[in-house]
Amino acid sequence: MNARKNNMNKKIADACMTVLLLCLMAYQVTGEALHEWFGIGMTVLLIVHHILNRKWYAALFKGKYNAYRVITVIVNI
């Protein structure tokens, strides 16, 4: 149950980050004040995203590295 809730929180945070990124790119439409607030929200969601995915960081130094794993880690970093 906890893993399902955590997975749902990850998806919600990622979806919100996507929407905020689109809003941030529409600076001419939203104006400076909203752009700044969207940037603050994006920063908060980025921190939440990293907290929710902390197990990924812990797993970086565990296990064997094959070519596929090396490429996916490089892409993610």
Protein backbone atom coordinates (compact mmCIF):
# COMPACT_ATOMS: atom_id res chain seq x y z
CA MET A 1 0.00 0.00 0.00
CA ASN A 2 2.79 2.42 0.90
CA ALA A 3 4.66 1.72 -2.36
CA ARG A 4 1.51 2.40 -4.39
CA LYS A 5 0.97 5.71 -2.57
CA ASN A 6 4.61 6.71 -3.07
CA ASN A 7 4.39 5.84 -6.77
CA MET A 8 1.24 7.96 -7.13
CA ASN A 9 2.97 10.88 -5.36
CA LYS A 10 5.88 10.58 -7.80
CA LYS A 11 3.55 10.70 -10.78
CA ILE A 12 1.66 13.69 -9.39
CA ALA A 13 4.90 15.58 -8.69
CA ASP A 14 6.23 14.80 -12.18
CA ALA A 15 2.97 15.89 -13.84
CA CYS A 16 2.96 19.15 -11.87
CA MET A 17 6.60 19.77 -12.81
CA THR A 18 5.71 19.26 -16.48
CA VAL A 19 2.85 21.75 -16.30
CA LEU A 20 4.99 24.29 -14.44
CA LEU A 21 7.79 23.90 -16.98
CA LEU A 22 5.35 24.72 -19.78
CA CYS A 23 4.10 27.73 -17.80
CA LEU A 24 7.67 28.88 -17.20
CA MET A 25 8.38 28.77 -20.94
CA ALA A 26 5.36 31.01 -21.59
CA TYR A 27 7.00 34.05 -20.00
CA GLN A 28 5.52 36.48 -22.53
CA VAL A 29 2.01 35.24 -21.69
CA THR A 30 2.28 34.92 -17.90
CA GLY A 31 4.39 37.97 -17.10
CA GLU A 32 7.23 38.44 -14.68
CA ALA A 33 5.38 37.99 -11.37
CA LEU A 34 3.76 34.68 -12.32
CA HIS A 35 7.02 33.52 -13.88
CA GLU A 36 8.78 34.04 -10.56
CA TRP A 37 6.06 32.18 -8.61
CA PHE A 38 6.10 29.31 -11.09
CA GLY A 39 9.88 29.17 -10.70
CA ILE A 40 9.56 28.93 -6.92
CA GLY A 41 6.98 26.17 -7.32
CA MET A 42 9.22 24.33 -9.76
CA THR A 43 12.12 24.52 -7.32
CA VAL A 44 9.99 23.14 -4.49
CA LEU A 45 8.72 20.32 -6.70
CA LEU A 46 12.27 19.55 -7.83
CA ILE A 47 13.31 19.11 -4.19
CA VAL A 48 10.22 16.94 -3.53
CA HIS A 49 11.05 14.90 -6.65
CA HIS A 50 14.55 14.17 -5.38
CA ILE A 51 13.26 13.25 -1.92
CA LEU A 52 10.70 10.85 -3.40
CA ASN A 53 13.41 9.23 -5.56
CA ARG A 54 16.06 8.93 -2.85
CA LYS A 55 16.15 5.12 -3.25
CA TRP A 56 17.50 5.61 -6.78
CA TYR A 57 20.49 7.48 -5.36
CA ALA A 58 21.06 4.76 -2.76
CA ALA A 59 21.02 2.08 -5.48
CA LEU A 60 23.64 3.83 -7.64
CA PHE A 61 26.56 2.14 -5.93
CA LYS A 62 24.93 -1.28 -5.51
CA GLY A 63 25.02 -4.14 -7.99
CA LYS A 64 26.90 -4.71 -11.19
CA TYR A 65 27.07 -2.24 -14.02
CA ASN A 66 26.46 -3.52 -17.53
CA ALA A 67 26.41 -1.31 -20.62
CA TYR A 68 22.67 -0.65 -20.40
CA ARG A 69 22.84 0.43 -16.75
CA VAL A 70 25.79 2.73 -17.43
CA ILE A 71 23.93 4.42 -20.29
CA THR A 72 20.72 4.88 -18.30
CA VAL A 73 22.61 6.37 -15.34
CA ILE A 74 24.46 8.77 -17.64
CA VAL A 75 21.19 9.83 -19.31
CA ASN A 76 19.50 10.35 -15.95
CA ILE A 77 22.38 12.38 -14.55
